[in-house]
Amino acid sequence: MSMDRYPDQAQFEAIASDAFARLPAEFRDMTKDVVIRVEDFPTNEVLRALDIASRYDLLGLYHGVDLTRQSVLDVSPLPEMIFLYRRPILDYWETHDDDLDAIIAHVLIHEIGHHFGLSDADMERIESEAAG
C-alpha cells in the first residue's frame, strides 16, 4: 500500500485524539492516567511475547497491569499505555468499509475495555454510544 495518501504520524494522532474525545464521558473519565501512543508497528519483542507471526496482525495493545489484577501495593514502573499501531490499522482500513476514525475508536474501546475488565457487551454498548 502506498503510504503517501494515508495519514502520517501527526495526522493519525489527531484522528486518535478526536476518536477518544467522542467516547462517552464516563468511559473517558476511567482512563485519566492512561497514555495513548501511536507507533508504526509493534516491536518484535511484543510480537514474540504474544506469539503473533505478522506485525500487521496487531492493531493495538494495552500495556500495564490491568485493574482486575492490580493491587494498591503495586508500583508500576511505567505509565499505563495503550499503543495504537498505525500501519496495521491503515492496512485493515484499506481492506474494510469502516471509517478510519471508527476503526481507531473500536481499537481504543477494546484496549481500554480490557484494561477495566469490561465485557464484550459493555464494549459494544460504548462503541454504539461513541458512534452516536
N, C-alpha and C. Protein backbone atom coordinates (compact mmCIF):
# COMPACT_ATOMS: atom_id res chain seq x y z
N MET A 1 0.85 -1.17 0.00
CA MET A 1 0.00 0.00 0.00
C MET A 1 0.89 1.23 0.00
N SER A 2 0.53 2.21 -0.78
CA SER A 2 1.29 3.45 -0.83
C SER A 2 0.91 4.32 0.35
N MET A 3 1.87 4.60 1.22
CA MET A 3 1.58 5.33 2.46
C MET A 3 1.42 6.83 2.25
N ASP A 4 1.81 7.36 1.09
CA ASP A 4 1.78 8.81 0.93
C ASP A 4 0.36 9.39 0.92
N ARG A 5 -0.65 8.58 0.63
CA ARG A 5 -2.01 9.11 0.64
C ARG A 5 -2.74 8.81 1.95
N TYR A 6 -2.03 8.26 2.91
CA TYR A 6 -2.61 7.92 4.21
C TYR A 6 -2.09 8.86 5.28
N PRO A 7 -2.81 8.97 6.40
CA PRO A 7 -2.39 9.90 7.45
C PRO A 7 -0.99 9.58 7.98
N ASP A 8 -0.18 10.64 8.12
CA ASP A 8 1.14 10.45 8.73
C ASP A 8 0.96 10.36 10.25
N GLN A 9 2.05 10.26 10.96
CA GLN A 9 2.03 10.10 12.41
C GLN A 9 1.19 11.18 13.10
N ALA A 10 1.47 12.44 12.78
CA ALA A 10 0.77 13.56 13.43
C ALA A 10 -0.72 13.55 13.09
N GLN A 11 -1.06 13.30 11.83
CA GLN A 11 -2.46 13.26 11.43
C GLN A 11 -3.18 12.10 12.12
N PHE A 12 -2.51 10.96 12.21
CA PHE A 12 -3.09 9.78 12.86
C PHE A 12 -3.34 10.07 14.34
N GLU A 13 -2.36 10.71 15.00
CA GLU A 13 -2.53 11.07 16.41
C GLU A 13 -3.71 12.00 16.60
N ALA A 14 -3.92 12.94 15.66
CA ALA A 14 -5.06 13.87 15.75
C ALA A 14 -6.38 13.10 15.59
N ILE A 15 -6.42 12.14 14.67
CA ILE A 15 -7.63 11.33 14.48
C ILE A 15 -7.90 10.51 15.75
N ALA A 16 -6.84 9.93 16.33
CA ALA A 16 -6.99 9.14 17.55
C ALA A 16 -7.49 10.02 18.70
N SER A 17 -6.95 11.22 18.80
CA SER A 17 -7.37 12.15 19.85
C SER A 17 -8.84 12.51 19.69
N ASP A 18 -9.27 12.78 18.45
CA ASP A 18 -10.68 13.09 18.17
C ASP A 18 -11.57 11.89 18.49
N ALA A 19 -11.12 10.68 18.12
CA ALA A 19 -11.89 9.46 18.39
C ALA A 19 -12.04 9.26 19.89
N PHE A 20 -10.97 9.50 20.63
CA PHE A 20 -11.02 9.37 22.09
C PHE A 20 -11.98 10.39 22.68
N ALA A 21 -11.95 11.63 22.16
CA ALA A 21 -12.81 12.70 22.67
C ALA A 21 -14.29 12.39 22.46
N ARG A 22 -14.62 11.57 21.47
CA ARG A 22 -16.02 11.22 21.19
C ARG A 22 -16.52 10.06 22.04
N LEU A 23 -15.63 9.40 22.77
CA LEU A 23 -16.07 8.31 23.64
C LEU A 23 -16.93 8.88 24.76
N PRO A 24 -17.86 8.09 25.29
CA PRO A 24 -18.71 8.60 26.38
C PRO A 24 -17.86 9.12 27.54
N ALA A 25 -18.31 10.22 28.15
CA ALA A 25 -17.52 10.90 29.19
C ALA A 25 -17.16 9.97 30.34
N GLU A 26 -18.11 9.13 30.79
CA GLU A 26 -17.80 8.26 31.92
C GLU A 26 -16.73 7.23 31.56
N PHE A 27 -16.67 6.84 30.30
CA PHE A 27 -15.65 5.91 29.84
C PHE A 27 -14.29 6.61 29.79
N ARG A 28 -14.27 7.83 29.24
CA ARG A 28 -13.02 8.61 29.20
C ARG A 28 -12.52 8.90 30.60
N ASP A 29 -13.44 9.19 31.52
CA ASP A 29 -13.04 9.53 32.89
C ASP A 29 -12.32 8.37 33.58
N MET A 30 -12.62 7.14 33.19
CA MET A 30 -11.95 5.98 33.79
C MET A 30 -10.48 5.92 33.39
N THR A 31 -10.11 6.63 32.33
CA THR A 31 -8.78 6.45 31.74
C THR A 31 -7.84 7.63 32.00
N LYS A 32 -8.05 8.34 33.08
CA LYS A 32 -7.28 9.57 33.34
C LYS A 32 -5.77 9.39 33.22
N ASP A 33 -5.24 8.27 33.73
CA ASP A 33 -3.78 8.10 33.77
C ASP A 33 -3.23 7.28 32.61
N VAL A 34 -4.09 6.85 31.70
CA VAL A 34 -3.63 6.02 30.59
C VAL A 34 -3.09 6.92 29.48
N VAL A 35 -1.90 6.59 28.98
CA VAL A 35 -1.27 7.33 27.89
C VAL A 35 -1.56 6.60 26.59
N ILE A 36 -2.00 7.33 25.56
CA ILE A 36 -2.23 6.73 24.24
C ILE A 36 -1.05 7.09 23.35
N ARG A 37 -0.38 6.05 22.84
CA ARG A 37 0.78 6.27 21.97
C ARG A 37 0.53 5.66 20.62
N VAL A 38 0.96 6.35 19.58
CA VAL A 38 0.85 5.84 18.22
C VAL A 38 2.25 5.43 17.77
N GLU A 39 2.38 4.19 17.35
CA GLU A 39 3.62 3.66 16.80
C GLU A 39 3.29 3.09 15.43
N ASP A 40 4.27 3.05 14.53
CA ASP A 40 4.00 2.44 13.22
C ASP A 40 3.69 0.96 13.34
N PHE A 41 4.49 0.23 14.12
CA PHE A 41 4.32 -1.22 14.27
C PHE A 41 4.62 -1.62 15.71
N PRO A 42 4.10 -2.79 16.13
CA PRO A 42 4.54 -3.33 17.41
C PRO A 42 6.00 -3.77 17.30
N THR A 43 6.68 -3.80 18.43
CA THR A 43 8.07 -4.25 18.43
C THR A 43 8.13 -5.76 18.22
N ASN A 44 9.28 -6.25 17.77
CA ASN A 44 9.46 -7.69 17.62
C ASN A 44 9.29 -8.40 18.96
N GLU A 45 9.72 -7.75 20.04
CA GLU A 45 9.57 -8.31 21.38
C GLU A 45 8.10 -8.54 21.72
N VAL A 46 7.25 -7.56 21.41
CA VAL A 46 5.81 -7.68 21.66
C VAL A 46 5.22 -8.81 20.82
N LEU A 47 5.60 -8.86 19.55
CA LEU A 47 5.07 -9.91 18.67
C LEU A 47 5.46 -11.30 19.18
N ARG A 48 6.72 -11.44 19.61
CA ARG A 48 7.17 -12.73 20.15
C ARG A 48 6.42 -13.08 21.43
N ALA A 49 6.27 -12.11 22.32
CA ALA A 49 5.59 -12.35 23.60
C ALA A 49 4.15 -12.79 23.40
N LEU A 50 3.50 -12.25 22.39
CA LEU A 50 2.09 -12.58 22.12
C LEU A 50 1.94 -13.70 21.10
N ASP A 51 3.07 -14.22 20.62
CA ASP A 51 3.09 -15.30 19.62
C ASP A 51 2.29 -14.91 18.37
N ILE A 52 2.58 -13.71 17.87
CA ILE A 52 1.93 -13.20 16.66
C ILE A 52 2.97 -13.19 15.54
N ALA A 53 2.63 -13.83 14.43
CA ALA A 53 3.59 -14.02 13.35
C ALA A 53 3.82 -12.75 12.52
N SER A 54 2.75 -12.03 12.20
CA SER A 54 2.87 -10.86 11.33
C SER A 54 2.69 -9.57 12.12
N ARG A 55 3.55 -8.62 11.82
CA ARG A 55 3.43 -7.32 12.51
C ARG A 55 2.17 -6.56 12.10
N TYR A 56 1.48 -7.05 11.06
CA TYR A 56 0.22 -6.43 10.64
C TYR A 56 -0.99 -7.00 11.38
N ASP A 57 -0.78 -8.02 12.21
CA ASP A 57 -1.91 -8.69 12.88
C ASP A 57 -2.29 -8.08 14.22
N LEU A 58 -1.55 -7.09 14.68
CA LEU A 58 -1.86 -6.47 15.97
C LEU A 58 -2.15 -4.99 15.74
N LEU A 59 -3.40 -4.57 16.05
CA LEU A 59 -3.81 -3.19 15.81
C LEU A 59 -3.57 -2.29 17.02
N GLY A 60 -3.63 -2.87 18.21
CA GLY A 60 -3.45 -2.09 19.42
C GLY A 60 -3.06 -3.00 20.57
N LEU A 61 -2.57 -2.37 21.63
CA LEU A 61 -2.13 -3.15 22.79
C LEU A 61 -2.23 -2.31 24.04
N TYR A 62 -2.83 -2.88 25.08
CA TYR A 62 -2.80 -2.24 26.39
C TYR A 62 -1.54 -2.72 27.09
N HIS A 63 -0.77 -1.80 27.64
CA HIS A 63 0.47 -2.17 28.34
C HIS A 63 0.39 -1.67 29.77
N GLY A 64 0.44 -2.60 30.69
CA GLY A 64 0.38 -2.27 32.11
C GLY A 64 -0.37 -3.34 32.85
N VAL A 65 -0.51 -3.18 34.14
CA VAL A 65 -1.25 -4.15 34.95
C VAL A 65 -2.72 -3.80 34.87
N ASP A 66 -3.54 -4.73 34.35
CA ASP A 66 -4.95 -4.38 34.24
C ASP A 66 -5.57 -4.27 35.63
N LEU A 67 -6.61 -3.47 35.70
CA LEU A 67 -7.19 -3.12 37.00
C LEU A 67 -7.82 -4.31 37.70
N THR A 68 -8.12 -5.38 36.96
CA THR A 68 -8.70 -6.55 37.60
C THR A 68 -7.64 -7.32 38.39
N ARG A 69 -6.35 -7.04 38.14
CA ARG A 69 -5.27 -7.73 38.85
C ARG A 69 -4.36 -6.79 39.62
N GLN A 70 -4.65 -5.50 39.59
CA GLN A 70 -3.77 -4.52 40.22
C GLN A 70 -4.07 -4.41 41.71
N SER A 71 -3.03 -4.33 42.49
CA SER A 71 -3.18 -4.18 43.93
C SER A 71 -2.76 -2.77 44.33
N VAL A 72 -3.25 -2.30 45.47
CA VAL A 72 -2.86 -0.96 45.93
C VAL A 72 -1.37 -0.92 46.25
N LEU A 73 -0.76 -2.08 46.43
CA LEU A 73 0.68 -2.13 46.73
C LEU A 73 1.54 -2.15 45.47
N ASP A 74 0.89 -2.34 44.31
CA ASP A 74 1.65 -2.37 43.05
C ASP A 74 2.27 -1.02 42.77
N VAL A 75 3.52 -1.04 42.40
CA VAL A 75 4.18 0.17 41.93
C VAL A 75 4.51 -0.08 40.47
N SER A 76 3.85 0.66 39.59
CA SER A 76 4.04 0.46 38.16
C SER A 76 5.25 1.27 37.71
N PRO A 77 6.27 0.61 37.16
CA PRO A 77 7.47 1.34 36.75
C PRO A 77 7.25 2.23 35.53
N LEU A 78 6.28 1.91 34.70
CA LEU A 78 5.96 2.70 33.51
C LEU A 78 4.51 3.14 33.59
N PRO A 79 4.17 4.25 32.93
CA PRO A 79 2.75 4.62 32.92
C PRO A 79 1.93 3.57 32.17
N GLU A 80 0.66 3.46 32.53
CA GLU A 80 -0.25 2.59 31.79
C GLU A 80 -0.37 3.19 30.39
N MET A 81 -0.26 2.35 29.35
CA MET A 81 -0.29 2.87 27.98
C MET A 81 -1.16 2.02 27.08
N ILE A 82 -1.76 2.69 26.12
CA ILE A 82 -2.42 2.00 25.03
C ILE A 82 -1.65 2.37 23.77
N PHE A 83 -1.17 1.34 23.09
CA PHE A 83 -0.47 1.55 21.83
C PHE A 83 -1.45 1.34 20.69
N LEU A 84 -1.48 2.28 19.76
CA LEU A 84 -2.20 2.13 18.51
C LEU A 84 -1.14 1.96 17.43
N TYR A 85 -1.25 0.88 16.67
CA TYR A 85 -0.25 0.59 15.64
C TYR A 85 -0.76 1.08 14.29
N ARG A 86 -0.17 2.20 13.85
CA ARG A 86 -0.66 2.95 12.69
C ARG A 86 -0.70 2.12 11.41
N ARG A 87 0.40 1.49 11.05
CA ARG A 87 0.44 0.77 9.76
C ARG A 87 -0.54 -0.40 9.72
N PRO A 88 -0.61 -1.26 10.76
CA PRO A 88 -1.62 -2.33 10.72
C PRO A 88 -3.05 -1.79 10.68
N ILE A 89 -3.32 -0.69 11.40
CA ILE A 89 -4.66 -0.10 11.36
C ILE A 89 -4.97 0.42 9.96
N LEU A 90 -3.99 1.09 9.32
CA LEU A 90 -4.21 1.59 7.96
C LEU A 90 -4.41 0.43 6.98
N ASP A 91 -3.67 -0.65 7.17
CA ASP A 91 -3.80 -1.83 6.32
C ASP A 91 -5.21 -2.44 6.49
N TYR A 92 -5.67 -2.51 7.72
CA TYR A 92 -7.03 -3.02 7.99
C TYR A 92 -8.06 -2.11 7.34
N TRP A 93 -7.87 -0.79 7.50
CA TRP A 93 -8.79 0.21 6.93
C TRP A 93 -8.92 0.05 5.42
N GLU A 94 -7.79 -0.22 4.77
CA GLU A 94 -7.79 -0.33 3.31
C GLU A 94 -8.64 -1.51 2.82
N THR A 95 -8.78 -2.53 3.65
CA THR A 95 -9.49 -3.73 3.21
C THR A 95 -10.88 -3.86 3.83
N HIS A 96 -11.35 -2.85 4.55
CA HIS A 96 -12.68 -2.87 5.16
C HIS A 96 -13.43 -1.58 4.83
N ASP A 97 -14.73 -1.61 5.02
CA ASP A 97 -15.57 -0.46 4.65
C ASP A 97 -15.71 0.58 5.75
N ASP A 98 -15.20 0.29 6.95
CA ASP A 98 -15.36 1.22 8.07
C ASP A 98 -14.54 2.48 7.88
N ASP A 99 -15.01 3.58 8.49
CA ASP A 99 -14.23 4.82 8.51
C ASP A 99 -13.02 4.62 9.40
N LEU A 100 -11.94 5.31 9.09
CA LEU A 100 -10.72 5.19 9.88
C LEU A 100 -10.97 5.57 11.33
N ASP A 101 -11.71 6.65 11.56
CA ASP A 101 -11.95 7.05 12.95
C ASP A 101 -12.77 6.01 13.70
N ALA A 102 -13.67 5.31 13.02
CA ALA A 102 -14.46 4.24 13.67
C ALA A 102 -13.56 3.06 14.04
N ILE A 103 -12.61 2.74 13.17
CA ILE A 103 -11.67 1.65 13.45
C ILE A 103 -10.80 2.01 14.65
N ILE A 104 -10.29 3.24 14.66
CA ILE A 104 -9.44 3.68 15.78
C ILE A 104 -10.25 3.69 17.07
N ALA A 105 -11.48 4.18 17.02
CA ALA A 105 -12.34 4.19 18.22
C ALA A 105 -12.57 2.75 18.70
N HIS A 106 -12.79 1.83 17.78
CA HIS A 106 -13.00 0.42 18.13
C HIS A 106 -11.78 -0.14 18.86
N VAL A 107 -10.59 0.13 18.33
CA VAL A 107 -9.37 -0.37 18.97
C VAL A 107 -9.21 0.26 20.35
N LEU A 108 -9.42 1.57 20.45
CA LEU A 108 -9.32 2.24 21.76
C LEU A 108 -10.30 1.64 22.77
N ILE A 109 -11.54 1.48 22.36
CA ILE A 109 -12.56 0.96 23.27
C ILE A 109 -12.18 -0.44 23.75
N HIS A 110 -11.71 -1.28 22.84
CA HIS A 110 -11.38 -2.64 23.23
C HIS A 110 -10.14 -2.69 24.11
N GLU A 111 -9.15 -1.89 23.83
CA GLU A 111 -7.96 -1.89 24.68
C GLU A 111 -8.28 -1.33 26.06
N ILE A 112 -9.04 -0.24 26.12
CA ILE A 112 -9.45 0.33 27.41
C ILE A 112 -10.38 -0.64 28.14
N GLY A 113 -11.29 -1.24 27.38
CA GLY A 113 -12.22 -2.20 27.97
C GLY A 113 -11.51 -3.37 28.60
N HIS A 114 -10.48 -3.89 27.93
CA HIS A 114 -9.71 -5.00 28.51
C HIS A 114 -9.02 -4.53 29.79
N HIS A 115 -8.53 -3.31 29.78
CA HIS A 115 -7.87 -2.72 30.95
C HIS A 115 -8.81 -2.72 32.16
N PHE A 116 -10.07 -2.38 31.93
CA PHE A 116 -11.02 -2.27 33.03
C PHE A 116 -11.85 -3.53 33.23
N GLY A 117 -11.55 -4.59 32.47
CA GLY A 117 -12.26 -5.85 32.65
C GLY A 117 -13.71 -5.81 32.19
N LEU A 118 -14.02 -4.96 31.20
CA LEU A 118 -15.39 -4.86 30.70
C LEU A 118 -15.73 -6.07 29.82
N SER A 119 -17.01 -6.38 29.78
CA SER A 119 -17.47 -7.48 28.92
C SER A 119 -17.55 -6.99 27.47
N ASP A 120 -17.65 -7.95 26.55
CA ASP A 120 -17.82 -7.59 25.14
C ASP A 120 -19.11 -6.80 24.95
N ALA A 121 -20.16 -7.16 25.69
CA ALA A 121 -21.45 -6.44 25.58
C ALA A 121 -21.29 -4.99 26.03
N ASP A 122 -20.54 -4.77 27.13
CA ASP A 122 -20.28 -3.41 27.59
C ASP A 122 -19.55 -2.61 26.52
N MET A 123 -18.53 -3.24 25.91
CA MET A 123 -17.74 -2.53 24.91
C MET A 123 -18.57 -2.23 23.66
N GLU A 124 -19.46 -3.15 23.28
CA GLU A 124 -20.33 -2.90 22.13
C GLU A 124 -21.27 -1.72 22.41
N ARG A 125 -21.78 -1.63 23.65
CA ARG A 125 -22.67 -0.53 24.02
C ARG A 125 -21.91 0.80 23.95
N ILE A 126 -20.70 0.82 24.49
CA ILE A 126 -19.88 2.04 24.48
C ILE A 126 -19.56 2.44 23.03
N GLU A 127 -19.25 1.43 22.22
CA GLU A 127 -18.94 1.72 20.81
C GLU A 127 -20.15 2.32 20.09
N SER A 128 -21.35 1.81 20.36
CA SER A 128 -22.52 2.38 19.70
C SER A 128 -22.81 3.78 20.21
N GLU A 129 -22.55 4.05 21.49
CA GLU A 129 -22.72 5.41 22.02
C GLU A 129 -21.71 6.37 21.37
N ALA A 130 -20.48 5.89 21.17
CA ALA A 130 -19.44 6.73 20.58
C ALA A 130 -19.76 7.05 19.12
N ALA A 131 -20.39 6.09 18.42
CA ALA A 131 -20.75 6.30 17.02
C ALA A 131 -21.88 7.30 16.89
N GLY A 132 -22.65 7.43 17.98
CA GLY A 132 -23.63 8.45 18.14
C GLY A 132 -24.81 8.50 17.29
